[in-house]
Amino acid sequence: MHRLLLLGCLWLLAAPPASSIFQRPTGTPAPLHLQYLLEPLHPTVHTRRGATATLPCVLRALPHNYRVKWSKVEPANYGENVIIITNGLYHKNYGPLSPRVRLRHSHRYDASLTITDVALEDEGRYRCQLVNGLEDESISLTLHLEGVVFPYQPSNGRYKFNYHEAKRACEQQDSRLATYQQLYKAWTEGLDWCNAGWILDGTVHYPIINSREPCGGRLLLPGVRTYGARDKQKDRFDAFCFTSALQGQVYFIRGHLNFKEAGQACRNHGAAIAKVGQLYSAWKFSQLDRCDGGWLADGSVRYPITTPRQRCGGLPDPGVRSFGFPSKEMRTYGTYCFVGK
């Protein structure tokens, strides 16, 4: 009997504490300020539009009478929008994300947030907050969509958008205003554009790879030049839009069509005339490569090049080339169509 008690005590001493189930790997100690939440190993989650993504939030212990609150940080208005609140047994969803979010809850310590059918507006920073009276604590995670940034201006020339018009213009072209992080990444990947444009937080920038006189001068180093925050109602610039992978396909119909005929040609195939963001997405993610100019939904004519060659514009870099906004009566071009899945 004494031997059994001794063995039991030895087993208890050797057994790990319950919280050690969720200990971090050796060499990556948890920050001291977090008592209940585990610091995520990877604070950025990469995904694409239409996918399912999970933002990890795991507790190391369950305090009494706690709640976990998920919210999304909105840079445009410097606020946070609540997404879901749970006490471990019950939960309630809030806001426009409500139909597409749920708690993963793969075990009783798991408060991770799963987002289905990821949309462009889901990109950004999220906060998982443990609400426990005086011991509140939180972690931040970033949902990053793979995508492409493109400059956009209307048919009547450059610097015509106030902030709200720029935001609406991007949305009409199957995209949204880019964040600064998205614009910066696009610059590192070669985006070089001399016209300043709005981004999501209400600031104005332009990315320069090759310093030159019309774009701030030759003496300034390459970079993302900034005008800072501007008046969203009065000031007018272009827009930098961001789009991600398509849930569908863009294809070209050859012909000598005016704008109205181009739209009808797509409808005859059960499709719609493609938007600018859809063409950029097909170029980026499906490697769409055509030397033929085609009408798009905004009345512009463009064509996507992934393999640069002399007879297709002669420019050395891949990209979506533009013929601008020709007369809609011209019968010179084919059309790019989009059909959804």
Foldseek 3Di string as FASTA:
>chain_A
DVVVVVVVVVCVVPDDDQLCVPADDPPDHADPLDDWWGADPAQEWEDAAQAKTKGWIFTSDQDPPKKKWKWFQALQVRDIGTAKMDNLPDMDGDDPQPVFWDAPCPDSRTRMIMGGRDAQVVFHKMKIWMDDPPSIDIYMGTYHYDWAKDWDDAQVDWFPAFQVRQQVVLVVQQWGFADPVRVQVNLVVPAADQWWAAGRNQWIWGFHDQADDSRPHNPDHGGIGTPTHDDRPPGTGITITIHTAAQWDKDWDWFQAFQVVQQVVQVVVVWGFHGPRNQRNCCVPVVAADLFWAAHPSQWTKGWHCCDDCVRPHDPHGDIGTPRRDPSHGRHGITMTIDGD
